[in-house]
Amino acid sequence: MTVYKFDPITDSRWVSFLEQHSDASIFHTKEWLRTLQQTYGYKPVAYTTSNGSELTNAVVLCQLDSRLTGRRLVSLPFSDHCQPLASGKDLREILNYLQNSCNTERLKYVELRPIVLEIDKDENKQPFGISETFSFQRIDLSPELNVIYKNFHDSCIRRKIKRAEREGLLYEMGRSEELQKKFRHLLLLTRRRHKLPPQPSSWLRNMVNSLGEMVTIYVLSKDDIPVASIVTLQYKNALVYKYGCSDTQFNNIGATPLLFWKLIQQAKAKNIQILDLGRSGYEDLGLIAFKEHLGAASSELVYYRNPIPTKQKPLSNARTSILVRQALAHLPDSLFSGVGQLLYRHIG
């Protein structure tokens, strides 16, 4: 069986293939791939066993070329998950081809980020091994709104929603430059708390320009001061929560729970069936608990690599990372943001 390589952004078959495939997500779309390409210079590439005018299967990745972190294929960078749109012998053939590509194209590794991956029961024949695991949360939006609301945790969510509704907060949604500015302000505050530089400003701008109505920014403000913001992505009947940020000075008024309640109400009005809350590191117990308090069901998200990872990161590297993050958090805003512009294209 032959494996063919093509560009999913320019291939005329890609859009109709995604429309017909039940596992296709926002992260497969050419708009998302174009955003990755424009912001970070990644090269989208897809592999298929189809040879003709119609696609029946595909696995999409991005090629990353970095002098700092090496040359590799990732499916997909800055995407919580990207399910292979192939199965059975077609998927096995593509995975074997990608395994061989590590040698022929001198790649550091190939990484897959599926929701589910068919694993060969014979581990000696399985070319990909586990690289990372995350907690993954989704909310089923098919029940009635009152049922979804009752599934919220009483004190952690419902009570805070009621408090926020009494505060007379200004609610805005859209994609305007003003909303992007408010989101960026809150993102800078949040990333500084987490001791991580913010994504470059071009990332959100390119996302809005490329995805258009598929991306929405939600903001709540108190007395003209932005206090909480969320960015979502919509494709088919799924809404993906991509980013959230807030000003901790206003945590007591419950703005973030109210934002989620408002976007859930609007999602129901559009007949959206799933709210995808994305991945959470297992060490981030607070974030996992918050998502579960919203009524989300948890599962495990597993990433796979070839060559199969064999060693844990040395403890010395972890300590160095902590020291670097602490130093970054003390940089002035302009330098702190600039680090993100330089750093993220090498990470993916």
C-alpha atoms as a PDB file:
ATOM      1  CA  MET A   1       0.000   0.000   0.000  1.00  0.00           C
ATOM      2  CA  THR A   2       1.383   3.410  -0.998  1.00  0.00           C
ATOM      3  CA  VAL A   3       1.296   6.485   1.278  1.00  0.00           C
ATOM      4  CA  TYR A   4       0.838   9.868  -0.397  1.00  0.00           C
ATOM      5  CA  LYS A   5       1.840  13.268   0.974  1.00  0.00           C
ATOM      6  CA  PHE A   6      -0.138  16.476   0.348  1.00  0.00           C
ATOM      7  CA  ASP A   7      -0.713  20.028   1.582  1.00  0.00           C
ATOM      8  CA  PRO A   8      -4.098  20.195   3.418  1.00  0.00           C
ATOM      9  CA  ILE A   9      -4.300  23.974   3.061  1.00  0.00           C
ATOM     10  CA  THR A  10      -4.204  23.966  -0.731  1.00  0.00           C
ATOM     11  CA  ASP A  11      -5.629  20.516  -1.543  1.00  0.00           C
ATOM     12  CA  SER A  12      -9.182  20.962  -2.877  1.00  0.00           C
ATOM     13  CA  ARG A  13     -10.288  17.644  -1.330  1.00  0.00           C
ATOM     14  CA  TRP A  14      -9.581  18.607   2.281  1.00  0.00           C
ATOM     15  CA  VAL A  15     -12.656  20.713   3.163  1.00  0.00           C
ATOM     16  CA  SER A  16     -15.214  18.210   1.871  1.00  0.00           C
ATOM     17  CA  PHE A  17     -13.299  15.339   3.503  1.00  0.00           C
ATOM     18  CA  LEU A  18     -13.509  17.077   6.903  1.00  0.00           C
ATOM     19  CA  GLU A  19     -17.181  17.898   6.450  1.00  0.00           C
ATOM     20  CA  GLN A  20     -17.964  14.226   5.958  1.00  0.00           C
ATOM     21  CA  HIS A  21     -15.689  12.794   8.655  1.00  0.00           C
ATOM     22  CA  SER A  22     -17.271  12.426  12.101  1.00  0.00           C
ATOM     23  CA  ASP A  23     -13.917  12.755  13.932  1.00  0.00           C
ATOM     24  CA  ALA A  24     -12.850  15.993  12.250  1.00  0.00           C
ATOM     25  CA  SER A  25     -12.382  18.910  14.654  1.00  0.00           C
ATOM     26  CA  ILE A  26     -11.504  22.589  14.503  1.00  0.00           C
ATOM     27  CA  PHE A  27      -7.843  21.567  14.770  1.00  0.00           C
ATOM     28  CA  HIS A  28      -8.003  19.742  11.417  1.00  0.00           C
ATOM     29  CA  THR A  29      -9.332  22.740   9.486  1.00  0.00           C
ATOM     30  CA  LYS A  30      -7.228  24.625   6.976  1.00  0.00           C
ATOM     31  CA  GLU A  31      -8.060  27.825   8.894  1.00  0.00           C
ATOM     32  CA  TRP A  32      -6.385  26.486  12.050  1.00  0.00           C
ATOM     33  CA  LEU A  33      -3.457  25.123  10.055  1.00  0.00           C
ATOM     34  CA  ARG A  34      -3.058  28.482   8.333  1.00  0.00           C
ATOM     35  CA  THR A  35      -2.972  30.215  11.733  1.00  0.00           C
ATOM     36  CA  LEU A  36      -0.137  27.913  12.854  1.00  0.00           C
ATOM     37  CA  GLN A  37       1.709  28.555   9.614  1.00  0.00           C
ATOM     38  CA  GLN A  38       1.321  32.348   9.670  1.00  0.00           C
ATOM     39  CA  THR A  39       2.262  32.763  13.329  1.00  0.00           C
ATOM     40  CA  TYR A  40       5.051  30.247  13.804  1.00  0.00           C
ATOM     41  CA  GLY A  41       6.162  29.283  10.303  1.00  0.00           C
ATOM     42  CA  TYR A  42       5.150  25.631  10.679  1.00  0.00           C
ATOM     43  CA  LYS A  43       4.549  23.664   7.483  1.00  0.00           C
ATOM     44  CA  PRO A  44       1.255  21.683   7.466  1.00  0.00           C
ATOM     45  CA  VAL A  45       1.451  18.280   5.784  1.00  0.00           C
ATOM     46  CA  ALA A  46      -0.964  15.344   5.531  1.00  0.00           C
ATOM     47  CA  TYR A  47      -0.521  11.686   4.668  1.00  0.00           C
ATOM     48  CA  THR A  48      -3.073   9.349   3.108  1.00  0.00           C
ATOM     49  CA  THR A  49      -3.382   6.007   1.332  1.00  0.00           C
ATOM     50  CA  SER A  50      -6.018   7.540  -0.979  1.00  0.00           C
ATOM     51  CA  ASN A  51      -4.970   8.020  -4.573  1.00  0.00           C
ATOM     52  CA  GLY A  52      -7.613   9.829  -6.535  1.00  0.00           C
ATOM     53  CA  SER A  53     -10.130  12.647  -6.550  1.00  0.00           C
ATOM     54  CA  GLU A  54     -11.625  11.692  -3.182  1.00  0.00           C
ATOM     55  CA  LEU A  55      -9.943  11.348   0.209  1.00  0.00           C
ATOM     56  CA  THR A  56     -11.001   8.441   2.403  1.00  0.00           C
ATOM     57  CA  ASN A  57      -8.381   8.794   5.142  1.00  0.00           C
ATOM     58  CA  ALA A  58      -5.628  11.127   6.334  1.00  0.00           C
ATOM     59  CA  VAL A  59      -3.306  12.023   9.194  1.00  0.00           C
ATOM     60  CA  VAL A  60      -2.387  15.713   9.394  1.00  0.00           C
ATOM     61  CA  LEU A  61       0.765  17.073  11.041  1.00  0.00           C
ATOM     62  CA  CYS A  62       2.956  20.154  11.072  1.00  0.00           C
ATOM     63  CA  GLN A  63       6.660  20.143  10.320  1.00  0.00           C
ATOM     64  CA  LEU A  64       8.657  22.158  12.859  1.00  0.00           C
ATOM     65  CA  ASP A  65      12.205  23.220  12.053  1.00  0.00           C
ATOM     66  CA  SER A  66      14.034  24.708  15.019  1.00  0.00           C
ATOM     67  CA  ARG A  67      17.734  25.138  15.725  1.00  0.00           C
ATOM     68  CA  LEU A  68      16.882  25.025  19.435  1.00  0.00           C
ATOM     69  CA  THR A  69      14.497  22.067  19.680  1.00  0.00           C
ATOM     70  CA  GLY A  70      15.147  20.123  16.505  1.00  0.00           C
ATOM     71  CA  ARG A  71      13.275  19.098  13.374  1.00  0.00           C
ATOM     72  CA  ARG A  72      10.089  17.119  13.991  1.00  0.00           C
ATOM     73  CA  LEU A  73       6.511  16.349  12.933  1.00  0.00           C
ATOM     74  CA  VAL A  74       3.705  17.091  15.427  1.00  0.00           C
ATOM     75  CA  SER A  75      -0.030  16.465  15.117  1.00  0.00           C
ATOM     76  CA  LEU A  76      -0.659  19.230  15.994  1.00  0.00           C
ATOM     77  CA  PRO A  77       1.311  22.015  17.723  1.00  0.00           C
ATOM     78  CA  PHE A  78      -0.661  24.170  20.195  1.00  0.00           C
ATOM     79  CA  SER A  79      -3.669  21.887  19.706  1.00  0.00           C
ATOM     80  CA  ASP A  80      -5.072  19.895  22.624  1.00  0.00           C
ATOM     81  CA  HIS A  81      -5.793  16.949  20.350  1.00  0.00           C
ATOM     82  CA  CYS A  82      -5.845  15.965  16.681  1.00  0.00           C
ATOM     83  CA  GLN A  83      -7.468  12.621  15.969  1.00  0.00           C
ATOM     84  CA  PRO A  84      -5.991  10.631  13.068  1.00  0.00           C
ATOM     85  CA  LEU A  85      -8.685  10.518  10.385  1.00  0.00           C
ATOM     86  CA  ALA A  86      -7.722   6.993   9.418  1.00  0.00           C
ATOM     87  CA  SER A  87      -8.183   3.543  10.892  1.00  0.00           C
ATOM     88  CA  GLY A  88      -7.287  -0.123  10.424  1.00  0.00           C
ATOM     89  CA  LYS A  89      -4.690  -1.014   7.830  1.00  0.00           C
ATOM     90  CA  ASP A  90      -4.675   2.537   6.387  1.00  0.00           C
ATOM     91  CA  LEU A  91      -3.668   4.003   9.743  1.00  0.00           C
ATOM     92  CA  ARG A  92      -1.058   1.312  10.337  1.00  0.00           C
ATOM     93  CA  GLU A  93       0.460   1.972   6.932  1.00  0.00           C
ATOM     94  CA  ILE A  94       0.631   5.731   7.580  1.00  0.00           C
ATOM     95  CA  LEU A  95       2.149   5.219  11.053  1.00  0.00           C
ATOM     96  CA  ASN A  96       4.782   2.908   9.602  1.00  0.00           C
ATOM     97  CA  TYR A  97       5.551   5.505   6.938  1.00  0.00           C
ATOM     98  CA  LEU A  98       5.933   8.197   9.631  1.00  0.00           C
ATOM     99  CA  GLN A  99       8.211   5.891  11.605  1.00  0.00           C
ATOM    100  CA  ASN A 100      10.444   5.505   8.566  1.00  0.00           C
ATOM    101  CA  SER A 101      10.371   9.269   8.026  1.00  0.00           C
ATOM    102  CA  CYS A 102      12.216   9.766  11.301  1.00  0.00           C
ATOM    103  CA  ASN A 103      15.283   8.233   9.661  1.00  0.00           C
ATOM    104  CA  THR A 104      14.894   9.309   6.053  1.00  0.00           C
ATOM    105  CA  GLU A 105      14.072  12.938   6.928  1.00  0.00           C
ATOM    106  CA  ARG A 106      16.364  13.092   9.989  1.00  0.00           C
ATOM    107  CA  LEU A 107      13.550  13.985  12.377  1.00  0.00           C
ATOM    108  CA  LYS A 108      14.045  14.200  16.120  1.00  0.00           C
ATOM    109  CA  TYR A 109      10.620  12.578  16.554  1.00  0.00           C
ATOM    110  CA  VAL A 110       7.058  12.314  15.273  1.00  0.00           C
ATOM    111  CA  GLU A 111       4.323  13.067  17.829  1.00  0.00           C
ATOM    112  CA  LEU A 112       0.599  12.216  17.646  1.00  0.00           C
ATOM    113  CA  ARG A 113      -2.030  13.828  19.892  1.00  0.00           C
ATOM    114  CA  PRO A 114      -5.137  11.697  19.350  1.00  0.00           C
ATOM    115  CA  ILE A 115      -8.263  11.422  21.469  1.00  0.00           C
ATOM    116  CA  VAL A 116      -8.090   7.674  20.815  1.00  0.00           C
ATOM    117  CA  LEU A 117      -5.379   5.718  19.002  1.00  0.00           C
ATOM    118  CA  GLU A 118      -5.563   2.125  17.831  1.00  0.00           C
ATOM    119  CA  ILE A 119      -2.609   0.413  19.472  1.00  0.00           C
ATOM    120  CA  ASP A 120      -1.169  -2.838  18.170  1.00  0.00           C
ATOM    121  CA  LYS A 121      -1.457  -5.432  20.960  1.00  0.00           C
ATOM    122  CA  ASP A 122       2.027  -6.660  20.104  1.00  0.00           C
ATOM    123  CA  GLU A 123       4.189  -3.910  21.643  1.00  0.00           C
ATOM    124  CA  ASN A 124       7.164  -4.975  19.540  1.00  0.00           C
ATOM    125  CA  LYS A 125       5.204  -4.011  16.405  1.00  0.00           C
ATOM    126  CA  GLN A 126       3.881  -0.738  17.831  1.00  0.00           C
ATOM    127  CA  PRO A 127       6.011   2.105  16.391  1.00  0.00           C
ATOM    128  CA  PHE A 128       4.662   4.775  18.787  1.00  0.00           C
ATOM    129  CA  GLY A 129       4.943   4.883  22.573  1.00  0.00           C
ATOM    130  CA  ILE A 130       3.420   7.117  25.243  1.00  0.00           C
ATOM    131  CA  SER A 131       5.146  10.491  25.644  1.00  0.00           C
ATOM    132  CA  GLU A 132       2.712  12.459  27.849  1.00  0.00           C
ATOM    133  CA  THR A 133      -0.679  12.039  29.515  1.00  0.00           C
ATOM    134  CA  PHE A 134      -3.245  14.670  30.489  1.00  0.00           C
ATOM    135  CA  SER A 135      -6.659  14.937  32.065  1.00  0.00           C
ATOM    136  CA  PHE A 136      -9.287  15.761  29.420  1.00  0.00           C
ATOM    137  CA  GLN A 137     -12.729  17.241  30.148  1.00  0.00           C
ATOM    138  CA  ARG A 138     -15.867  17.642  28.032  1.00  0.00           C
ATOM    139  CA  ILE A 139     -19.419  18.718  28.855  1.00  0.00           C
ATOM    140  CA  ASP A 140     -22.369  17.041  27.147  1.00  0.00           C
ATOM    141  CA  LEU A 141     -24.678  19.869  26.061  1.00  0.00           C
ATOM    142  CA  SER A 142     -27.504  17.641  24.835  1.00  0.00           C
ATOM    143  CA  PRO A 143     -29.546  17.822  28.101  1.00  0.00           C
ATOM    144  CA  GLU A 144     -31.933  20.727  28.765  1.00  0.00           C
ATOM    145  CA  LEU A 145     -30.395  23.932  30.121  1.00  0.00           C
ATOM    146  CA  ASN A 146     -31.938  23.471  33.558  1.00  0.00           C
ATOM    147  CA  VAL A 147     -30.338  20.013  33.797  1.00  0.00           C
ATOM    148  CA  ILE A 148     -26.930  21.384  32.794  1.00  0.00           C
ATOM    149  CA  TYR A 149     -27.300  24.136  35.410  1.00  0.00           C
ATOM    150  CA  LYS A 150     -28.209  21.611  38.109  1.00  0.00           C
ATOM    151  CA  ASN A 151     -25.047  19.676  37.256  1.00  0.00           C
ATOM    152  CA  PHE A 152     -22.968  22.701  38.269  1.00  0.00           C
ATOM    153  CA  HIS A 153     -21.399  22.477  41.729  1.00  0.00           C
ATOM    154  CA  ASP A 154     -23.618  24.415  44.126  1.00  0.00           C
ATOM    155  CA  SER A 155     -21.098  26.517  46.051  1.00  0.00           C
ATOM    156  CA  CYS A 156     -18.241  26.586  43.517  1.00  0.00           C
ATOM    157  CA  ILE A 157     -20.297  27.465  40.422  1.00  0.00           C
ATOM    158  CA  ARG A 158     -24.017  28.189  40.938  1.00  0.00           C
ATOM    159  CA  ARG A 159     -23.532  30.457  43.938  1.00  0.00           C
ATOM    160  CA  LYS A 160     -20.794  32.380  42.142  1.00  0.00           C
ATOM    161  CA  ILE A 161     -22.966  32.814  39.049  1.00  0.00           C
ATOM    162  CA  LYS A 162     -25.685  34.363  41.197  1.00  0.00           C
ATOM    163  CA  ARG A 163     -23.139  36.657  42.839  1.00  0.00           C
ATOM    164  CA  ALA A 164     -21.769  37.774  39.455  1.00  0.00           C
ATOM    165  CA  GLU A 165     -25.272  38.462  38.143  1.00  0.00           C
ATOM    166  CA  ARG A 166     -25.809  40.903  41.031  1.00  0.00           C
ATOM    167  CA  GLU A 167     -22.622  42.815  40.190  1.00  0.00           C
ATOM    168  CA  GLY A 168     -24.009  44.418  37.026  1.00  0.00           C
ATOM    169  CA  LEU A 169     -21.066  43.289  34.919  1.00  0.00           C
ATOM    170  CA  LEU A 170     -20.760  44.376  31.291  1.00  0.00           C
ATOM    171  CA  TYR A 171     -20.841  41.349  28.972  1.00  0.00           C
ATOM    172  CA  GLU A 172     -19.279  41.534  25.503  1.00  0.00           C
ATOM    173  CA  MET A 173     -18.586  38.967  22.818  1.00  0.00           C
ATOM    174  CA  GLY A 174     -17.119  39.138  19.337  1.00  0.00           C
ATOM    175  CA  ARG A 175     -13.766  39.506  17.612  1.00  0.00           C
ATOM    176  CA  SER A 176     -13.120  43.260  17.569  1.00  0.00           C
ATOM    177  CA  GLU A 177      -9.720  44.872  18.119  1.00  0.00           C
ATOM    178  CA  GLU A 178     -11.023  46.237  21.433  1.00  0.00           C
ATOM    179  CA  LEU A 179     -11.993  42.777  22.672  1.00  0.00           C
ATOM    180  CA  GLN A 180      -8.629  41.390  21.543  1.00  0.00           C
ATOM    181  CA  LYS A 181      -6.937  44.147  23.542  1.00  0.00           C
ATOM    182  CA  LYS A 182      -8.950  43.337  26.673  1.00  0.00           C
ATOM    183  CA  PHE A 183      -8.176  39.649  26.324  1.00  0.00           C
ATOM    184  CA  ARG A 184      -4.464  40.361  25.856  1.00  0.00           C
ATOM    185  CA  HIS A 185      -4.449  42.497  29.017  1.00  0.00           C
ATOM    186  CA  LEU A 186      -5.981  39.709  31.096  1.00  0.00           C
ATOM    187  CA  LEU A 187      -3.804  37.069  29.443  1.00  0.00           C
ATOM    188  CA  LEU A 188      -0.662  38.972  30.441  1.00  0.00           C
ATOM    189  CA  LEU A 189      -1.843  39.087  34.081  1.00  0.00           C
ATOM    190  CA  THR A 190      -2.678  35.390  34.075  1.00  0.00           C
ATOM    191  CA  ARG A 191       0.516  34.205  32.391  1.00  0.00           C
ATOM    192  CA  ARG A 192       2.590  36.293  34.791  1.00  0.00           C
ATOM    193  CA  ARG A 193       0.855  34.518  37.708  1.00  0.00           C
ATOM    194  CA  HIS A 194       1.732  31.197  36.095  1.00  0.00           C
ATOM    195  CA  LYS A 195       5.299  32.384  35.401  1.00  0.00           C
ATOM    196  CA  LEU A 196       4.915  31.663  31.683  1.00  0.00           C
ATOM    197  CA  PRO A 197       5.255  34.251  28.889  1.00  0.00           C
ATOM    198  CA  PRO A 198       2.069  34.998  26.922  1.00  0.00           C
ATOM    199  CA  GLN A 199       1.530  33.828  23.375  1.00  0.00           C
ATOM    200  CA  PRO A 200       2.565  36.450  20.782  1.00  0.00           C
ATOM    201  CA  SER A 201      -0.071  39.040  19.935  1.00  0.00           C
ATOM    202  CA  SER A 202       0.051  37.870  16.306  1.00  0.00           C
ATOM    203  CA  TRP A 203      -1.308  34.470  17.416  1.00  0.00           C
ATOM    204  CA  LEU A 204      -4.739  35.804  18.407  1.00  0.00           C
ATOM    205  CA  ARG A 205      -4.808  38.287  15.526  1.00  0.00           C
ATOM    206  CA  ASN A 206      -4.027  35.579  12.964  1.00  0.00           C
ATOM    207  CA  MET A 207      -6.560  33.268  14.592  1.00  0.00           C
ATOM    208  CA  VAL A 208      -9.303  35.883  14.268  1.00  0.00           C
ATOM    209  CA  ASN A 209      -8.340  36.774  10.701  1.00  0.00           C
ATOM    210  CA  SER A 210      -8.182  33.155   9.570  1.00  0.00           C
ATOM    211  CA  LEU A 211     -11.008  31.487  11.510  1.00  0.00           C
ATOM    212  CA  GLY A 212     -13.453  34.404  11.386  1.00  0.00           C
ATOM    213  CA  GLU A 213     -16.790  33.474  12.934  1.00  0.00           C
ATOM    214  CA  MET A 214     -15.387  30.182  14.208  1.00  0.00           C
ATOM    215  CA  VAL A 215     -13.541  32.075  16.965  1.00  0.00           C
ATOM    216  CA  THR A 216     -15.251  34.148  19.679  1.00  0.00           C
ATOM    217  CA  ILE A 217     -13.841  36.288  22.477  1.00  0.00           C
ATOM    218  CA  TYR A 218     -16.011  36.714  25.598  1.00  0.00           C
ATOM    219  CA  VAL A 219     -15.278  39.463  28.144  1.00  0.00           C
ATOM    220  CA  LEU A 220     -16.875  40.542  31.429  1.00  0.00           C
ATOM    221  CA  SER A 221     -15.969  43.985  32.820  1.00  0.00           C
ATOM    222  CA  LYS A 222     -16.602  45.729  36.134  1.00  0.00           C
ATOM    223  CA  ASP A 223     -16.768  49.546  35.945  1.00  0.00           C
ATOM    224  CA  ASP A 224     -15.000  49.456  32.552  1.00  0.00           C
ATOM    225  CA  ILE A 225     -12.218  47.219  33.921  1.00  0.00           C
ATOM    226  CA  PRO A 226     -11.920  43.799  32.208  1.00  0.00           C
ATOM    227  CA  VAL A 227     -12.098  41.104  34.881  1.00  0.00           C
ATOM    228  CA  ALA A 228     -12.436  37.801  32.973  1.00  0.00           C
ATOM    229  CA  SER A 229     -12.199  36.602  29.391  1.00  0.00           C
ATOM    230  CA  ILE A 230     -12.549  33.352  27.417  1.00  0.00           C
ATOM    231  CA  VAL A 231     -11.715  32.416  23.818  1.00  0.00           C
ATOM    232  CA  THR A 232     -13.653  29.612  22.123  1.00  0.00           C
ATOM    233  CA  LEU A 233     -13.440  27.863  18.753  1.00  0.00           C
ATOM    234  CA  GLN A 234     -16.475  26.348  17.015  1.00  0.00           C
ATOM    235  CA  TYR A 235     -16.601  23.663  14.333  1.00  0.00           C
ATOM    236  CA  LYS A 236     -19.659  21.598  13.425  1.00  0.00           C
ATOM    237  CA  ASN A 237     -21.515  20.724  16.650  1.00  0.00           C
ATOM    238  CA  ALA A 238     -18.550  21.195  19.017  1.00  0.00           C
ATOM    239  CA  LEU A 239     -17.387  24.262  20.929  1.00  0.00           C
ATOM    240  CA  VAL A 240     -13.782  24.249  22.163  1.00  0.00           C
ATOM    241  CA  TYR A 241     -12.722  26.305  25.174  1.00  0.00           C
ATOM    242  CA  LYS A 242      -9.201  27.339  24.118  1.00  0.00           C
ATOM    243  CA  TYR A 243      -8.075  30.073  26.513  1.00  0.00           C
ATOM    244  CA  GLY A 244      -9.259  31.653  29.729  1.00  0.00           C
ATOM    245  CA  CYS A 245      -7.788  34.483  31.804  1.00  0.00           C
ATOM    246  CA  SER A 246      -8.796  36.796  34.615  1.00  0.00           C
ATOM    247  CA  ASP A 247      -7.792  39.506  37.068  1.00  0.00           C
ATOM    248  CA  THR A 248      -7.504  37.888  40.508  1.00  0.00           C
ATOM    249  CA  GLN A 249      -8.472  41.175  42.201  1.00  0.00           C
ATOM    250  CA  PHE A 250     -12.036  40.369  41.128  1.00  0.00           C
ATOM    251  CA  ASN A 251     -12.086  36.619  41.786  1.00  0.00           C
ATOM    252  CA  ASN A 252     -14.637  37.008  44.574  1.00  0.00           C
ATOM    253  CA  ILE A 253     -17.374  38.273  42.222  1.00  0.00           C
ATOM    254  CA  GLY A 254     -17.605  35.026  40.208  1.00  0.00           C
ATOM    255  CA  ALA A 255     -17.043  36.414  36.703  1.00  0.00           C
ATOM    256  CA  THR A 256     -15.480  33.288  35.174  1.00  0.00           C
ATOM    257  CA  PRO A 257     -18.325  30.915  36.181  1.00  0.00           C
ATOM    258  CA  LEU A 258     -20.797  33.443  34.766  1.00  0.00           C
ATOM    259  CA  LEU A 259     -18.862  33.574  31.473  1.00  0.00           C
ATOM    260  CA  PHE A 260     -19.083  29.813  31.128  1.00  0.00           C
ATOM    261  CA  TRP A 261     -22.803  29.856  31.881  1.00  0.00           C
ATOM    262  CA  LYS A 262     -23.396  32.526  29.234  1.00  0.00           C
ATOM    263  CA  LEU A 263     -21.418  30.715  26.536  1.00  0.00           C
ATOM    264  CA  ILE A 264     -23.208  27.442  27.395  1.00  0.00           C
ATOM    265  CA  GLN A 265     -26.570  29.185  26.973  1.00  0.00           C
ATOM    266  CA  GLN A 266     -25.506  30.552  23.590  1.00  0.00           C
ATOM    267  CA  ALA A 267     -24.083  27.176  22.545  1.00  0.00           C
ATOM    268  CA  LYS A 268     -27.412  25.518  23.333  1.00  0.00           C
ATOM    269  CA  ALA A 269     -29.196  28.111  21.203  1.00  0.00           C
ATOM    270  CA  LYS A 270     -26.953  27.062  18.281  1.00  0.00           C
ATOM    271  CA  ASN A 271     -27.650  23.363  18.932  1.00  0.00           C
ATOM    272  CA  ILE A 272     -24.016  22.677  19.826  1.00  0.00           C
ATOM    273  CA  GLN A 273     -23.722  19.231  21.425  1.00  0.00           C
ATOM    274  CA  ILE A 274     -20.275  19.236  23.063  1.00  0.00           C
ATOM    275  CA  LEU A 275     -18.266  21.786  25.033  1.00  0.00           C
ATOM    276  CA  ASP A 276     -14.649  20.634  24.818  1.00  0.00           C
ATOM    277  CA  LEU A 277     -12.731  22.032  27.812  1.00  0.00           C
ATOM    278  CA  GLY A 278      -9.383  20.762  26.584  1.00  0.00           C
ATOM    279  CA  ARG A 279      -6.494  19.193  28.437  1.00  0.00           C
ATOM    280  CA  SER A 280      -5.210  19.832  31.952  1.00  0.00           C
ATOM    281  CA  GLY A 281      -1.928  18.697  33.452  1.00  0.00           C
ATOM    282  CA  TYR A 282      -2.495  16.185  36.241  1.00  0.00           C
ATOM    283  CA  GLU A 283      -0.519  18.458  38.558  1.00  0.00           C
ATOM    284  CA  ASP A 284      -3.079  21.248  38.046  1.00  0.00           C
ATOM    285  CA  LEU A 285      -5.675  19.875  40.452  1.00  0.00           C
ATOM    286  CA  GLY A 286      -7.440  23.214  40.805  1.00  0.00           C
ATOM    287  CA  LEU A 287      -8.137  23.531  37.080  1.00  0.00           C
ATOM    288  CA  ILE A 288      -9.330  19.926  36.835  1.00  0.00           C
ATOM    289  CA  ALA A 289     -11.650  20.448  39.817  1.00  0.00           C
ATOM    290  CA  PHE A 290     -13.057  23.662  38.291  1.00  0.00           C
ATOM    291  CA  LYS A 291     -13.884  21.911  35.027  1.00  0.00           C
ATOM    292  CA  GLU A 292     -15.507  19.005  36.849  1.00  0.00           C
ATOM    293  CA  HIS A 293     -17.505  21.468  38.978  1.00  0.00           C
ATOM    294  CA  LEU A 294     -18.949  22.718  35.668  1.00  0.00           C
ATOM    295  CA  GLY A 295     -20.310  19.208  35.161  1.00  0.00           C
ATOM    296  CA  ALA A 296     -17.580  17.985  32.826  1.00  0.00           C
ATOM    297  CA  ALA A 297     -16.745  14.304  32.436  1.00  0.00           C
ATOM    298  CA  SER A 298     -13.040  13.474  32.697  1.00  0.00           C
ATOM    299  CA  SER A 299     -10.997  11.018  30.671  1.00  0.00           C
ATOM    300  CA  GLU A 300      -7.321  10.552  29.830  1.00  0.00           C
ATOM    301  CA  LEU A 301      -5.638  12.153  26.852  1.00  0.00           C
ATOM    302  CA  VAL A 302      -2.507  10.323  25.727  1.00  0.00           C
ATOM    303  CA  TYR A 303       0.206  11.627  23.377  1.00  0.00           C
ATOM    304  CA  TYR A 304       2.449   9.228  21.451  1.00  0.00           C
ATOM    305  CA  ARG A 305       5.915   9.545  19.936  1.00  0.00           C
ATOM    306  CA  ASN A 306       8.298   7.745  17.668  1.00  0.00           C
ATOM    307  CA  PRO A 307      11.052   7.042  18.605  1.00  0.00           C
ATOM    308  CA  ILE A 308       9.402   5.765  21.789  1.00  0.00           C
ATOM    309  CA  PRO A 309      10.509   7.891  24.787  1.00  0.00           C
ATOM    310  CA  THR A 310      12.567   5.911  27.266  1.00  0.00           C
ATOM    311  CA  LYS A 311      13.780   8.377  29.877  1.00  0.00           C
ATOM    312  CA  GLN A 312      12.159  10.845  32.279  1.00  0.00           C
ATOM    313  CA  LYS A 313      13.419  14.419  32.323  1.00  0.00           C
ATOM    314  CA  PRO A 314      16.282  14.781  34.823  1.00  0.00           C
ATOM    315  CA  LEU A 315      15.401  16.454  38.123  1.00  0.00           C
ATOM    316  CA  SER A 316      18.091  19.057  37.458  1.00  0.00           C
ATOM    317  CA  ASN A 317      16.222  20.151  34.302  1.00  0.00           C
ATOM    318  CA  ALA A 318      12.997  20.560  36.302  1.00  0.00           C
ATOM    319  CA  ARG A 319      14.784  22.742  38.853  1.00  0.00           C
ATOM    320  CA  THR A 320      16.329  24.843  36.099  1.00  0.00           C
ATOM    321  CA  SER A 321      12.898  25.303  34.536  1.00  0.00           C
ATOM    322  CA  ILE A 322      11.483  26.572  37.843  1.00  0.00           C
ATOM    323  CA  LEU A 323      14.319  29.092  38.243  1.00  0.00           C
ATOM    324  CA  VAL A 324      13.889  30.322  34.654  1.00  0.00           C
ATOM    325  CA  ARG A 325      10.133  30.771  35.111  1.00  0.00           C
ATOM    326  CA  GLN A 326      10.662  32.716  38.323  1.00  0.00           C
ATOM    327  CA  ALA A 327      13.116  35.013  36.561  1.00  0.00           C
ATOM    328  CA  LEU A 328      10.768  35.533  33.599  1.00  0.00           C
ATOM    329  CA  ALA A 329       7.902  36.525  35.903  1.00  0.00           C
ATOM    330  CA  HIS A 330       9.888  39.547  37.092  1.00  0.00           C
ATOM    331  CA  LEU A 331      10.519  40.978  33.623  1.00  0.00           C
ATOM    332  CA  PRO A 332       8.708  44.187  32.615  1.00  0.00           C
ATOM    333  CA  ASP A 333       5.621  43.675  30.432  1.00  0.00           C
ATOM    334  CA  SER A 334       7.295  44.502  27.114  1.00  0.00           C
ATOM    335  CA  LEU A 335      10.170  42.068  27.676  1.00  0.00           C
ATOM    336  CA  PHE A 336       7.870  39.418  29.181  1.00  0.00           C
ATOM    337  CA  SER A 337       5.687  39.507  26.056  1.00  0.00           C
ATOM    338  CA  GLY A 338       8.743  39.561  23.798  1.00  0.00           C
ATOM    339  CA  VAL A 339      10.009  36.300  25.273  1.00  0.00           C
ATOM    340  CA  GLY A 340       6.813  34.609  24.124  1.00  0.00           C
ATOM    341  CA  GLN A 341       7.305  35.945  20.607  1.00  0.00           C
ATOM    342  CA  LEU A 342      10.780  34.393  20.467  1.00  0.00           C
ATOM    343  CA  LEU A 343      10.117  31.214  22.453  1.00  0.00           C
ATOM    344  CA  TYR A 344       6.875  29.621  21.312  1.00  0.00           C
ATOM    345  CA  ARG A 345       7.794  28.908  17.698  1.00  0.00           C
ATOM    346  CA  HIS A 346      10.485  26.537  19.049  1.00  0.00           C
ATOM    347  CA  ILE A 347       8.124  24.660  21.379  1.00  0.00           C
ATOM    348  CA  GLY A 348       5.002  23.569  19.503  1.00  0.00           C
END
